Amino acid sequence: MSTYDKDAVLAKIGTTGLLPLFNFADFEICAAVIKACYAAGIRAFELTNRDEKAFEVFKKLVPFVKNELPELTLGAGTILDVVTAQKFIDAGADYIIAPNLDFGVGEVCLKNNIPWIPGCMTPSEFQQAYKFGSPLIKLFPGSILGPDYLKHILAPLPHLRVVVTGGVQNTAESINSWLKSGAFACGIGSQLFSKEIIQKKNFDEITVQLNKLIAGISR
């Protein structure tokens, strides 16, 4: 069962306007990365389902987060089908994120009272996701479309709340450009969690980078 309801999830994602996303086939590494983000004030985190060990790692992270990082919401990303969605929900996911618009996944989330954050690109997809009950919709891939695209999407659809992922840079300038265009939050992954940081286990550097980033964000 999830720890937080829809409103709490959205509030925590909106706390900093950042949603870090990460995947690594090792629980200790993932736990250290999440802990470093938490130390910088992050209160929402996405573990992406991109390898065969992701689910086992996620199951271990749920009690770790509840015990060690109690204010954090933990979501599962890259969820592509109904079976996988239900599996992660049963394991304790607070929300489900996908790169695509699959109404079967959305239905499972609604039945379990879990926020569904699908990936969309066109105005039609955005509005369909919203009408189906998605409280937050993912613009993906952001790097291809750009902040001006989002601004034009939101002009006729101002009721949408959008998180941008895919190519968001690890700079306040990049994030502010999206926020000024109407984004509710920005998802950031490899730009923040470099291979060098992970290999050297320099997790304090993640906290340092996030502190600088958050300090430079204007909302």
N, C-alpha and C. Protein backbone atom coordinates (compact mmCIF):
# COMPACT_ATOMS: atom_id res chain seq x y z
N MET A 1 0.83 -1.20 0.00
CA MET A 1 0.00 0.00 0.00
C MET A 1 0.88 1.26 0.00
N SER A 2 0.37 2.29 -0.66
CA SER A 2 1.10 3.54 -0.71
C SER A 2 1.08 4.23 0.64
N THR A 3 2.04 5.11 0.86
CA THR A 3 2.15 5.85 2.12
C THR A 3 1.40 7.17 2.04
N TYR A 4 1.42 7.80 0.86
CA TYR A 4 0.84 9.13 0.71
C TYR A 4 -0.26 9.14 -0.35
N ASP A 5 -1.28 9.99 -0.14
CA ASP A 5 -2.36 10.11 -1.12
C ASP A 5 -1.96 11.08 -2.23
N LYS A 6 -2.88 11.25 -3.19
CA LYS A 6 -2.59 12.05 -4.37
C LYS A 6 -2.18 13.48 -4.02
N ASP A 7 -2.93 14.12 -3.15
CA ASP A 7 -2.64 15.51 -2.82
C ASP A 7 -1.27 15.65 -2.16
N ALA A 8 -0.94 14.71 -1.29
CA ALA A 8 0.36 14.75 -0.62
C ALA A 8 1.50 14.53 -1.61
N VAL A 9 1.30 13.62 -2.56
CA VAL A 9 2.32 13.37 -3.58
C VAL A 9 2.59 14.63 -4.39
N LEU A 10 1.52 15.28 -4.84
CA LEU A 10 1.69 16.49 -5.64
C LEU A 10 2.37 17.59 -4.83
N ALA A 11 1.98 17.73 -3.58
CA ALA A 11 2.57 18.76 -2.73
C ALA A 11 4.06 18.51 -2.55
N LYS A 12 4.45 17.26 -2.40
CA LYS A 12 5.86 16.96 -2.16
C LYS A 12 6.69 17.12 -3.44
N ILE A 13 6.11 16.77 -4.59
CA ILE A 13 6.82 17.03 -5.85
C ILE A 13 6.98 18.53 -6.05
N GLY A 14 5.95 19.29 -5.67
CA GLY A 14 6.00 20.73 -5.85
C GLY A 14 6.85 21.47 -4.84
N THR A 15 7.30 20.79 -3.79
CA THR A 15 8.11 21.43 -2.75
C THR A 15 9.34 22.12 -3.33
N THR A 16 10.05 21.42 -4.19
CA THR A 16 11.26 21.97 -4.81
C THR A 16 11.09 22.18 -6.32
N GLY A 17 10.07 21.58 -6.89
CA GLY A 17 9.91 21.63 -8.34
C GLY A 17 10.83 20.66 -9.06
N LEU A 18 11.41 19.72 -8.30
CA LEU A 18 12.31 18.73 -8.88
C LEU A 18 11.84 17.32 -8.54
N LEU A 19 11.94 16.43 -9.53
CA LEU A 19 11.65 15.02 -9.32
C LEU A 19 12.84 14.20 -9.84
N PRO A 20 13.78 13.85 -8.96
CA PRO A 20 14.92 13.04 -9.39
C PRO A 20 14.47 11.64 -9.79
N LEU A 21 15.11 11.11 -10.84
CA LEU A 21 14.82 9.75 -11.27
C LEU A 21 16.13 9.00 -11.47
N PHE A 22 16.12 7.75 -11.03
CA PHE A 22 17.38 7.00 -10.98
C PHE A 22 17.10 5.52 -11.07
N ASN A 23 18.07 4.79 -11.60
CA ASN A 23 18.01 3.33 -11.64
C ASN A 23 19.40 2.77 -11.50
N PHE A 24 19.52 1.78 -10.64
CA PHE A 24 20.79 1.06 -10.50
C PHE A 24 20.47 -0.29 -9.88
N ALA A 25 21.11 -1.33 -10.36
CA ALA A 25 20.78 -2.70 -9.93
C ALA A 25 21.47 -3.06 -8.62
N ASP A 26 21.38 -2.17 -7.64
CA ASP A 26 21.99 -2.41 -6.34
C ASP A 26 21.25 -1.57 -5.30
N PHE A 27 20.71 -2.23 -4.29
CA PHE A 27 19.93 -1.52 -3.28
C PHE A 27 20.75 -0.49 -2.52
N GLU A 28 21.97 -0.84 -2.13
CA GLU A 28 22.79 0.08 -1.33
C GLU A 28 23.08 1.38 -2.09
N ILE A 29 23.37 1.25 -3.38
CA ILE A 29 23.63 2.45 -4.20
C ILE A 29 22.37 3.30 -4.28
N CYS A 30 21.25 2.68 -4.57
CA CYS A 30 19.99 3.42 -4.70
C CYS A 30 19.62 4.10 -3.38
N ALA A 31 19.79 3.39 -2.29
CA ALA A 31 19.45 3.96 -0.98
C ALA A 31 20.34 5.17 -0.68
N ALA A 32 21.62 5.08 -1.01
CA ALA A 32 22.55 6.19 -0.75
C ALA A 32 22.20 7.40 -1.61
N VAL A 33 21.83 7.16 -2.87
CA VAL A 33 21.46 8.25 -3.77
C VAL A 33 20.20 8.95 -3.26
N ILE A 34 19.21 8.17 -2.87
CA ILE A 34 17.96 8.76 -2.38
C ILE A 34 18.21 9.53 -1.09
N LYS A 35 19.03 8.99 -0.22
CA LYS A 35 19.35 9.66 1.04
C LYS A 35 20.05 10.99 0.79
N ALA A 36 20.93 11.03 -0.21
CA ALA A 36 21.63 12.27 -0.55
C ALA A 36 20.66 13.32 -1.08
N CYS A 37 19.68 12.88 -1.86
CA CYS A 37 18.65 13.80 -2.36
C CYS A 37 17.78 14.32 -1.22
N TYR A 38 17.44 13.44 -0.32
CA TYR A 38 16.61 13.81 0.84
C TYR A 38 17.30 14.87 1.69
N ALA A 39 18.61 14.73 1.83
CA ALA A 39 19.38 15.69 2.63
C ALA A 39 19.33 17.10 2.04
N ALA A 40 19.06 17.19 0.74
CA ALA A 40 18.99 18.49 0.08
C ALA A 40 17.56 19.05 0.06
N GLY A 41 16.63 18.31 0.64
CA GLY A 41 15.25 18.79 0.70
C GLY A 41 14.30 18.15 -0.29
N ILE A 42 14.80 17.21 -1.09
CA ILE A 42 13.93 16.51 -2.04
C ILE A 42 12.96 15.62 -1.28
N ARG A 43 11.70 15.67 -1.68
CA ARG A 43 10.67 14.88 -0.99
C ARG A 43 9.87 13.99 -1.94
N ALA A 44 10.35 13.83 -3.15
CA ALA A 44 9.74 12.91 -4.11
C ALA A 44 10.85 12.33 -4.98
N PHE A 45 10.77 11.04 -5.25
CA PHE A 45 11.84 10.36 -5.98
C PHE A 45 11.23 9.25 -6.83
N GLU A 46 11.75 9.10 -8.04
CA GLU A 46 11.30 8.05 -8.95
C GLU A 46 12.40 7.03 -9.17
N LEU A 47 12.11 5.77 -8.86
CA LEU A 47 13.01 4.69 -9.24
C LEU A 47 12.51 4.13 -10.55
N THR A 48 13.33 4.18 -11.59
CA THR A 48 12.88 3.73 -12.90
C THR A 48 13.05 2.22 -13.04
N ASN A 49 12.09 1.62 -13.69
CA ASN A 49 12.06 0.17 -13.88
C ASN A 49 12.75 -0.18 -15.19
N ARG A 50 14.08 -0.13 -15.15
CA ARG A 50 14.82 -0.30 -16.40
C ARG A 50 15.82 -1.46 -16.39
N ASP A 51 15.74 -2.33 -15.44
CA ASP A 51 16.55 -3.54 -15.48
C ASP A 51 15.83 -4.64 -14.71
N GLU A 52 16.31 -5.84 -14.81
CA GLU A 52 15.60 -6.98 -14.24
C GLU A 52 15.62 -7.00 -12.72
N LYS A 53 16.49 -6.20 -12.11
CA LYS A 53 16.55 -6.17 -10.65
C LYS A 53 15.79 -5.00 -10.05
N ALA A 54 15.20 -4.18 -10.89
CA ALA A 54 14.56 -2.96 -10.41
C ALA A 54 13.47 -3.24 -9.38
N PHE A 55 12.67 -4.25 -9.63
CA PHE A 55 11.57 -4.53 -8.71
C PHE A 55 12.09 -5.01 -7.35
N GLU A 56 13.09 -5.87 -7.37
CA GLU A 56 13.65 -6.35 -6.10
C GLU A 56 14.28 -5.20 -5.31
N VAL A 57 14.96 -4.31 -6.01
CA VAL A 57 15.53 -3.13 -5.35
C VAL A 57 14.42 -2.26 -4.79
N PHE A 58 13.37 -2.07 -5.57
CA PHE A 58 12.24 -1.23 -5.13
C PHE A 58 11.61 -1.78 -3.85
N LYS A 59 11.42 -3.08 -3.80
CA LYS A 59 10.81 -3.70 -2.62
C LYS A 59 11.64 -3.45 -1.36
N LYS A 60 12.94 -3.42 -1.51
CA LYS A 60 13.81 -3.13 -0.36
C LYS A 60 13.80 -1.64 -0.01
N LEU A 61 13.62 -0.80 -1.02
CA LEU A 61 13.64 0.63 -0.78
C LEU A 61 12.41 1.11 -0.01
N VAL A 62 11.27 0.47 -0.23
CA VAL A 62 10.04 0.93 0.42
C VAL A 62 10.16 0.97 1.94
N PRO A 63 10.57 -0.11 2.62
CA PRO A 63 10.73 -0.02 4.07
C PRO A 63 11.88 0.88 4.49
N PHE A 64 12.93 0.93 3.68
CA PHE A 64 14.04 1.84 3.98
C PHE A 64 13.56 3.28 4.02
N VAL A 65 12.80 3.68 3.01
CA VAL A 65 12.28 5.04 2.95
C VAL A 65 11.35 5.32 4.12
N LYS A 66 10.46 4.40 4.42
CA LYS A 66 9.52 4.61 5.51
C LYS A 66 10.23 4.79 6.85
N ASN A 67 11.29 4.05 7.05
CA ASN A 67 12.00 4.08 8.33
C ASN A 67 13.03 5.21 8.41
N GLU A 68 13.74 5.45 7.31
CA GLU A 68 14.86 6.39 7.34
C GLU A 68 14.53 7.77 6.77
N LEU A 69 13.60 7.81 5.81
CA LEU A 69 13.28 9.05 5.11
C LEU A 69 11.77 9.22 5.07
N PRO A 70 11.14 9.39 6.22
CA PRO A 70 9.68 9.28 6.33
C PRO A 70 8.88 10.34 5.59
N GLU A 71 9.50 11.45 5.19
CA GLU A 71 8.77 12.49 4.47
C GLU A 71 8.83 12.31 2.95
N LEU A 72 9.51 11.27 2.49
CA LEU A 72 9.71 11.07 1.06
C LEU A 72 8.58 10.26 0.43
N THR A 73 8.15 10.68 -0.76
CA THR A 73 7.26 9.87 -1.58
C THR A 73 8.11 9.13 -2.60
N LEU A 74 7.85 7.83 -2.76
CA LEU A 74 8.64 7.00 -3.67
C LEU A 74 7.73 6.47 -4.78
N GLY A 75 8.07 6.83 -6.02
CA GLY A 75 7.30 6.38 -7.16
C GLY A 75 8.08 5.42 -8.02
N ALA A 76 7.36 4.69 -8.87
CA ALA A 76 7.97 3.76 -9.82
C ALA A 76 7.79 4.29 -11.22
N GLY A 77 8.89 4.35 -11.98
CA GLY A 77 8.84 4.88 -13.32
C GLY A 77 9.08 3.84 -14.39
N THR A 78 8.84 4.22 -15.64
CA THR A 78 8.95 3.33 -16.80
C THR A 78 8.06 2.10 -16.61
N ILE A 79 6.83 2.34 -16.21
CA ILE A 79 5.85 1.27 -16.01
C ILE A 79 4.99 1.20 -17.27
N LEU A 80 5.13 0.11 -18.02
CA LEU A 80 4.57 0.04 -19.37
C LEU A 80 3.33 -0.82 -19.50
N ASP A 81 2.96 -1.58 -18.47
CA ASP A 81 1.81 -2.46 -18.61
C ASP A 81 1.08 -2.63 -17.28
N VAL A 82 -0.11 -3.19 -17.36
CA VAL A 82 -0.99 -3.33 -16.21
C VAL A 82 -0.38 -4.23 -15.13
N VAL A 83 0.17 -5.35 -15.54
CA VAL A 83 0.73 -6.30 -14.58
C VAL A 83 1.86 -5.67 -13.78
N THR A 84 2.75 -4.98 -14.47
CA THR A 84 3.87 -4.33 -13.79
C THR A 84 3.39 -3.22 -12.88
N ALA A 85 2.40 -2.47 -13.32
CA ALA A 85 1.85 -1.40 -12.49
C ALA A 85 1.30 -1.96 -11.18
N GLN A 86 0.51 -3.02 -11.27
CA GLN A 86 -0.08 -3.60 -10.07
C GLN A 86 0.99 -4.16 -9.14
N LYS A 87 2.02 -4.74 -9.72
CA LYS A 87 3.11 -5.31 -8.93
C LYS A 87 3.81 -4.24 -8.10
N PHE A 88 4.11 -3.10 -8.72
CA PHE A 88 4.78 -2.02 -7.99
C PHE A 88 3.84 -1.35 -6.99
N ILE A 89 2.57 -1.25 -7.33
CA ILE A 89 1.60 -0.69 -6.39
C ILE A 89 1.50 -1.58 -5.15
N ASP A 90 1.42 -2.87 -5.36
CA ASP A 90 1.36 -3.82 -4.23
C ASP A 90 2.61 -3.75 -3.37
N ALA A 91 3.74 -3.39 -4.00
CA ALA A 91 5.00 -3.28 -3.27
C ALA A 91 5.12 -1.98 -2.48
N GLY A 92 4.19 -1.03 -2.75
CA GLY A 92 4.20 0.20 -1.97
C GLY A 92 4.48 1.48 -2.72
N ALA A 93 4.39 1.46 -4.06
CA ALA A 93 4.64 2.68 -4.83
C ALA A 93 3.60 3.75 -4.49
N ASP A 94 4.04 4.97 -4.29
CA ASP A 94 3.13 6.09 -4.03
C ASP A 94 2.53 6.64 -5.30
N TYR A 95 3.17 6.41 -6.43
CA TYR A 95 2.65 6.85 -7.72
C TYR A 95 3.34 6.06 -8.82
N ILE A 96 2.72 6.06 -9.99
CA ILE A 96 3.22 5.33 -11.14
C ILE A 96 3.48 6.31 -12.28
N ILE A 97 4.67 6.20 -12.89
CA ILE A 97 5.07 7.09 -13.98
C ILE A 97 5.38 6.24 -15.22
N ALA A 98 4.99 6.75 -16.38
CA ALA A 98 5.25 6.03 -17.62
C ALA A 98 5.70 7.00 -18.70
N PRO A 99 6.42 6.51 -19.70
CA PRO A 99 6.82 7.37 -20.81
C PRO A 99 5.73 7.49 -21.87
N ASN A 100 4.64 6.72 -21.69
CA ASN A 100 3.59 6.65 -22.70
C ASN A 100 2.21 6.76 -22.06
N LEU A 101 1.19 6.82 -22.90
CA LEU A 101 -0.19 6.96 -22.47
C LEU A 101 -0.89 5.62 -22.64
N ASP A 102 -1.03 4.87 -21.55
CA ASP A 102 -1.68 3.56 -21.57
C ASP A 102 -2.83 3.60 -20.57
N PHE A 103 -4.06 3.59 -21.07
CA PHE A 103 -5.21 3.75 -20.20
C PHE A 103 -5.44 2.53 -19.30
N GLY A 104 -4.89 1.39 -19.68
CA GLY A 104 -4.97 0.23 -18.80
C GLY A 104 -4.18 0.46 -17.53
N VAL A 105 -2.99 1.01 -17.67
CA VAL A 105 -2.18 1.37 -16.51
C VAL A 105 -2.89 2.44 -15.69
N GLY A 106 -3.49 3.41 -16.39
CA GLY A 106 -4.23 4.46 -15.69
C GLY A 106 -5.38 3.90 -14.88
N GLU A 107 -6.08 2.93 -15.42
CA GLU A 107 -7.22 2.33 -14.72
C GLU A 107 -6.77 1.61 -13.45
N VAL A 108 -5.67 0.89 -13.53
CA VAL A 108 -5.13 0.20 -12.35
C VAL A 108 -4.79 1.22 -11.26
N CYS A 109 -4.18 2.32 -11.67
CA CYS A 109 -3.81 3.36 -10.70
C CYS A 109 -5.04 3.97 -10.05
N LEU A 110 -6.06 4.25 -10.84
CA LEU A 110 -7.28 4.84 -10.30
C LEU A 110 -7.96 3.89 -9.31
N LYS A 111 -8.01 2.62 -9.64
CA LYS A 111 -8.63 1.63 -8.76
C LYS A 111 -7.90 1.53 -7.42
N ASN A 112 -6.60 1.77 -7.46
CA ASN A 112 -5.80 1.68 -6.24
C ASN A 112 -5.56 3.05 -5.59
N ASN A 113 -6.22 4.07 -6.13
CA ASN A 113 -6.09 5.44 -5.61
C ASN A 113 -4.64 5.91 -5.61
N ILE A 114 -3.95 5.60 -6.71
CA ILE A 114 -2.55 5.95 -6.89
C ILE A 114 -2.43 6.96 -8.03
N PRO A 115 -1.72 8.07 -7.86
CA PRO A 115 -1.53 8.99 -8.98
C PRO A 115 -0.86 8.32 -10.17
N TRP A 116 -1.42 8.57 -11.33
CA TRP A 116 -0.88 8.06 -12.60
C TRP A 116 -0.29 9.24 -13.36
N ILE A 117 0.99 9.15 -13.69
CA ILE A 117 1.70 10.24 -14.38
C ILE A 117 2.19 9.71 -15.72
N PRO A 118 1.35 9.79 -16.75
CA PRO A 118 1.72 9.23 -18.06
C PRO A 118 2.50 10.22 -18.90
N GLY A 119 3.28 9.68 -19.82
CA GLY A 119 4.02 10.53 -20.74
C GLY A 119 3.16 10.92 -21.93
N CYS A 120 3.13 12.21 -22.24
CA CYS A 120 2.34 12.72 -23.35
C CYS A 120 3.16 13.71 -24.17
N MET A 121 2.65 13.96 -25.39
CA MET A 121 3.36 14.88 -26.28
C MET A 121 2.42 15.87 -26.95
N THR A 122 1.25 15.41 -27.36
CA THR A 122 0.34 16.27 -28.11
C THR A 122 -0.76 16.82 -27.21
N PRO A 123 -1.42 17.91 -27.64
CA PRO A 123 -2.54 18.44 -26.86
C PRO A 123 -3.64 17.40 -26.63
N SER A 124 -3.92 16.59 -27.64
CA SER A 124 -4.96 15.56 -27.49
C SER A 124 -4.59 14.56 -26.41
N GLU A 125 -3.34 14.11 -26.40
CA GLU A 125 -2.90 13.16 -25.38
C GLU A 125 -2.98 13.78 -23.99
N PHE A 126 -2.54 15.01 -23.86
CA PHE A 126 -2.60 15.68 -22.56
C PHE A 126 -4.04 15.76 -22.04
N GLN A 127 -4.95 16.18 -22.88
CA GLN A 127 -6.33 16.34 -22.45
C GLN A 127 -6.99 14.99 -22.15
N GLN A 128 -6.66 13.96 -22.92
CA GLN A 128 -7.19 12.63 -22.67
C GLN A 128 -6.72 12.11 -21.31
N ALA A 129 -5.43 12.31 -21.02
CA ALA A 129 -4.90 11.87 -19.72
C ALA A 129 -5.57 12.62 -18.58
N TYR A 130 -5.75 13.91 -18.75
CA TYR A 130 -6.41 14.72 -17.72
C TYR A 130 -7.84 14.26 -17.48
N LYS A 131 -8.60 14.03 -18.55
CA LYS A 131 -10.00 13.59 -18.42
C LYS A 131 -10.10 12.21 -17.79
N PHE A 132 -9.06 11.41 -17.98
CA PHE A 132 -9.06 10.07 -17.40
C PHE A 132 -8.74 10.09 -15.91
N GLY A 133 -8.20 11.21 -15.44
CA GLY A 133 -7.95 11.34 -14.01
C GLY A 133 -6.51 11.55 -13.61
N SER A 134 -5.62 11.78 -14.58
CA SER A 134 -4.22 12.00 -14.24
C SER A 134 -4.03 13.38 -13.63
N PRO A 135 -3.54 13.47 -12.38
CA PRO A 135 -3.37 14.77 -11.73
C PRO A 135 -2.10 15.50 -12.16
N LEU A 136 -1.17 14.75 -12.74
CA LEU A 136 0.10 15.31 -13.20
C LEU A 136 0.51 14.52 -14.43
N ILE A 137 0.88 15.24 -15.49
CA ILE A 137 1.18 14.60 -16.76
C ILE A 137 2.62 14.90 -17.15
N LYS A 138 3.27 13.90 -17.70
CA LYS A 138 4.68 14.04 -18.06
C LYS A 138 4.84 14.47 -19.51
N LEU A 139 5.55 15.57 -19.74
CA LEU A 139 5.94 15.97 -21.09
C LEU A 139 7.25 15.25 -21.39
N PHE A 140 7.21 14.41 -22.42
CA PHE A 140 8.39 13.60 -22.75
C PHE A 140 8.44 13.38 -24.26
N PRO A 141 9.59 13.56 -24.88
CA PRO A 141 10.88 14.01 -24.32
C PRO A 141 11.02 15.53 -24.36
N GLY A 142 11.35 16.11 -23.24
CA GLY A 142 11.44 17.56 -23.13
C GLY A 142 12.51 18.18 -24.01
N SER A 143 13.64 17.52 -24.16
CA SER A 143 14.76 18.11 -24.90
C SER A 143 14.42 18.31 -26.37
N ILE A 144 13.57 17.47 -26.91
CA ILE A 144 13.19 17.59 -28.32
C ILE A 144 12.20 18.72 -28.53
N LEU A 145 11.33 18.94 -27.54
CA LEU A 145 10.22 19.87 -27.70
C LEU A 145 10.54 21.29 -27.24
N GLY A 146 11.16 21.44 -26.08
CA GLY A 146 11.57 22.75 -25.59
C GLY A 146 10.50 23.48 -24.80
N PRO A 147 10.92 24.46 -23.96
CA PRO A 147 10.00 25.20 -23.10
C PRO A 147 8.90 25.93 -23.86
N ASP A 148 9.21 26.47 -25.05
CA ASP A 148 8.18 27.19 -25.81
C ASP A 148 7.03 26.26 -26.20
N TYR A 149 7.34 25.02 -26.47
CA TYR A 149 6.30 24.05 -26.82
C TYR A 149 5.32 23.89 -25.65
N LEU A 150 5.87 23.76 -24.45
CA LEU A 150 5.01 23.62 -23.28
C LEU A 150 4.15 24.86 -23.09
N LYS A 151 4.73 26.03 -23.30
CA LYS A 151 3.97 27.28 -23.15
C LYS A 151 2.77 27.29 -24.09
N HIS A 152 2.97 26.81 -25.32
CA HIS A 152 1.88 26.78 -26.29
C HIS A 152 0.84 25.71 -25.94
N ILE A 153 1.29 24.62 -25.35
CA ILE A 153 0.35 23.58 -24.90
C ILE A 153 -0.56 24.13 -23.80
N LEU A 154 0.04 24.83 -22.86
CA LEU A 154 -0.71 25.29 -21.69
C LEU A 154 -1.59 26.51 -21.97
N ALA A 155 -1.34 27.20 -23.06
CA ALA A 155 -2.16 28.38 -23.38
C ALA A 155 -3.65 28.02 -23.48
N PRO A 156 -4.03 26.98 -24.24
CA PRO A 156 -5.43 26.59 -24.28
C PRO A 156 -5.82 25.56 -23.21
N LEU A 157 -4.80 25.03 -22.51
CA LEU A 157 -5.05 23.97 -21.51
C LEU A 157 -4.41 24.36 -20.17
N PRO A 158 -4.79 25.50 -19.59
CA PRO A 158 -4.12 26.01 -18.39
C PRO A 158 -4.40 25.19 -17.13
N HIS A 159 -5.37 24.28 -17.21
CA HIS A 159 -5.72 23.45 -16.05
C HIS A 159 -4.74 22.30 -15.85
N LEU A 160 -3.87 22.05 -16.80
CA LEU A 160 -2.94 20.93 -16.69
C LEU A 160 -1.79 21.23 -15.75
N ARG A 161 -1.33 20.19 -15.07
CA ARG A 161 -0.08 20.26 -14.31
C ARG A 161 0.90 19.31 -14.97
N VAL A 162 2.07 19.82 -15.30
CA VAL A 162 3.00 19.07 -16.15
C VAL A 162 4.37 18.97 -15.50
N VAL A 163 4.92 17.75 -15.52
CA VAL A 163 6.31 17.54 -15.13
C VAL A 163 7.08 17.20 -16.40
N VAL A 164 8.20 17.86 -16.60
CA VAL A 164 9.00 17.68 -17.82
C VAL A 164 10.17 16.74 -17.54
N THR A 165 10.35 15.75 -18.40
CA THR A 165 11.52 14.87 -18.28
C THR A 165 12.13 14.65 -19.65
N GLY A 166 13.35 14.16 -19.64
CA GLY A 166 14.04 13.88 -20.90
C GLY A 166 14.86 15.04 -21.37
N GLY A 167 16.07 15.15 -20.84
CA GLY A 167 16.98 16.19 -21.31
C GLY A 167 17.00 17.46 -20.50
N VAL A 168 16.31 17.51 -19.37
CA VAL A 168 16.40 18.68 -18.49
C VAL A 168 17.83 18.76 -17.96
N GLN A 169 18.43 19.92 -18.10
CA GLN A 169 19.83 20.09 -17.70
C GLN A 169 19.95 20.33 -16.19
N ASN A 170 21.12 20.01 -15.67
CA ASN A 170 21.39 20.17 -14.25
C ASN A 170 21.84 21.60 -13.95
N THR A 171 21.02 22.56 -14.37
CA THR A 171 21.32 23.97 -14.13
C THR A 171 20.04 24.70 -13.75
N ALA A 172 20.18 25.72 -12.94
CA ALA A 172 19.01 26.52 -12.56
C ALA A 172 18.43 27.21 -13.80
N GLU A 173 19.28 27.59 -14.74
CA GLU A 173 18.81 28.26 -15.96
C GLU A 173 17.86 27.35 -16.74
N SER A 174 18.25 26.09 -16.91
CA SER A 174 17.42 25.14 -17.65
C SER A 174 16.09 24.91 -16.93
N ILE A 175 16.16 24.65 -15.64
CA ILE A 175 14.95 24.37 -14.88
C ILE A 175 14.04 25.59 -14.83
N ASN A 176 14.61 26.77 -14.62
CA ASN A 176 13.79 27.98 -14.58
C ASN A 176 13.10 28.25 -15.92
N SER A 177 13.76 27.90 -17.01
CA SER A 177 13.14 28.12 -18.32
C SER A 177 11.88 27.28 -18.46
N TRP A 178 11.90 26.07 -17.90
CA TRP A 178 10.71 25.21 -17.94
C TRP A 178 9.64 25.71 -16.98
N LEU A 179 10.05 26.09 -15.79
CA LEU A 179 9.09 26.56 -14.79
C LEU A 179 8.40 27.85 -15.27
N LYS A 180 9.16 28.73 -15.90
CA LYS A 180 8.58 29.97 -16.40
C LYS A 180 7.62 29.71 -17.56
N SER A 181 7.79 28.58 -18.23
CA SER A 181 6.89 28.21 -19.32
C SER A 181 5.65 27.48 -18.81
N GLY A 182 5.58 27.28 -17.48
CA GLY A 182 4.38 26.70 -16.89
C GLY A 182 4.53 25.32 -16.30
N ALA A 183 5.74 24.74 -16.35
CA ALA A 183 5.92 23.40 -15.78
C ALA A 183 5.68 23.41 -14.27
N PHE A 184 5.04 22.38 -13.78
CA PHE A 184 4.84 22.20 -12.35
C PHE A 184 6.13 21.72 -11.70
N ALA A 185 6.88 20.90 -12.42
CA ALA A 185 8.14 20.36 -11.91
C ALA A 185 8.98 19.84 -13.06
N CYS A 186 10.24 19.54 -12.77
CA CYS A 186 11.16 18.98 -13.76
C CYS A 186 11.75 17.68 -13.22
N GLY A 187 11.75 16.67 -14.06
CA GLY A 187 12.41 15.43 -13.71
C GLY A 187 13.85 15.46 -14.21
N ILE A 188 14.76 15.03 -13.36
CA ILE A 188 16.18 15.07 -13.74
C ILE A 188 16.87 13.79 -13.28
N GLY A 189 17.64 13.19 -14.18
CA GLY A 189 18.28 11.91 -13.87
C GLY A 189 19.76 11.91 -14.12
N SER A 190 20.17 11.47 -15.32
CA SER A 190 21.59 11.28 -15.61
C SER A 190 22.39 12.57 -15.52
N GLN A 191 21.73 13.73 -15.73
CA GLN A 191 22.43 15.00 -15.60
C GLN A 191 22.91 15.24 -14.16
N LEU A 192 22.18 14.66 -13.22
CA LEU A 192 22.53 14.82 -11.80
C LEU A 192 23.36 13.66 -11.27
N PHE A 193 23.00 12.45 -11.68
CA PHE A 193 23.67 11.25 -11.17
C PHE A 193 24.67 10.73 -12.19
N SER A 194 25.78 11.39 -12.30
CA SER A 194 26.77 11.01 -13.31
C SER A 194 27.39 9.67 -12.97
N LYS A 195 27.93 9.02 -14.00
CA LYS A 195 28.60 7.73 -13.81
C LYS A 195 29.78 7.88 -12.85
N GLU A 196 30.48 9.00 -12.95
CA GLU A 196 31.64 9.23 -12.09
C GLU A 196 31.24 9.30 -10.62
N ILE A 197 30.17 10.01 -10.33
CA ILE A 197 29.69 10.12 -8.94
C ILE A 197 29.30 8.75 -8.40
N ILE A 198 28.60 7.99 -9.21
CA ILE A 198 28.14 6.67 -8.76
C ILE A 198 29.32 5.72 -8.59
N GLN A 199 30.24 5.72 -9.54
CA GLN A 199 31.39 4.82 -9.46
C GLN A 199 32.26 5.11 -8.25
N LYS A 200 32.44 6.40 -7.95
CA LYS A 200 33.27 6.80 -6.81
C LYS A 200 32.48 6.84 -5.50
N LYS A 201 31.17 6.62 -5.60
CA LYS A 201 30.28 6.67 -4.44
C LYS A 201 30.40 8.00 -3.69
N ASN A 202 30.51 9.05 -4.49
CA ASN A 202 30.64 10.40 -3.94
C ASN A 202 29.24 11.00 -3.76
N PHE A 203 28.46 10.40 -2.89
CA PHE A 203 27.06 10.77 -2.76
C PHE A 203 26.85 12.16 -2.16
N ASP A 204 27.81 12.63 -1.38
CA ASP A 204 27.70 13.98 -0.83
C ASP A 204 27.67 15.03 -1.93
N GLU A 205 28.32 14.72 -3.05
CA GLU A 205 28.33 15.65 -4.18
C GLU A 205 26.92 15.85 -4.74
N ILE A 206 26.10 14.81 -4.67
CA ILE A 206 24.71 14.93 -5.12
C ILE A 206 23.97 15.96 -4.27
N THR A 207 24.18 15.88 -2.95
CA THR A 207 23.54 16.85 -2.04
C THR A 207 24.02 18.26 -2.33
N VAL A 208 25.33 18.41 -2.55
CA VAL A 208 25.91 19.72 -2.84
C VAL A 208 25.31 20.30 -4.12
N GLN A 209 25.26 19.49 -5.18
CA GLN A 209 24.71 19.95 -6.46
C GLN A 209 23.24 20.33 -6.32
N LEU A 210 22.48 19.52 -5.62
CA LEU A 210 21.05 19.81 -5.45
C LEU A 210 20.83 21.08 -4.63
N ASN A 211 21.63 21.28 -3.59
CA ASN A 211 21.50 22.50 -2.79
C ASN A 211 21.72 23.74 -3.66
N LYS A 212 22.74 23.69 -4.50
CA LYS A 212 23.02 24.82 -5.39
C LYS A 212 21.89 25.01 -6.40
N LEU A 213 21.40 23.89 -6.92
CA LEU A 213 20.34 23.94 -7.90
C LEU A 213 19.07 24.52 -7.34
N ILE A 214 18.67 24.03 -6.19
CA ILE A 214 17.43 24.49 -5.53
C ILE A 214 17.53 25.97 -5.17
N ALA A 215 18.71 26.39 -4.72
CA ALA A 215 18.90 27.79 -4.35
C ALA A 215 18.72 28.72 -5.55
N GLY A 216 18.99 28.22 -6.74
CA GLY A 216 18.91 29.05 -7.94
C GLY A 216 17.57 29.00 -8.64
N ILE A 217 16.66 28.17 -8.14
CA ILE A 217 15.36 28.05 -8.78
C ILE A 217 14.44 29.18 -8.34
N SER A 218 13.80 29.81 -9.29
CA SER A 218 12.82 30.87 -8.99
C SER A 218 11.46 30.41 -9.49
N ARG A 219 10.46 30.49 -8.60
CA ARG A 219 9.13 29.99 -8.96
C ARG A 219 8.10 31.10 -8.87
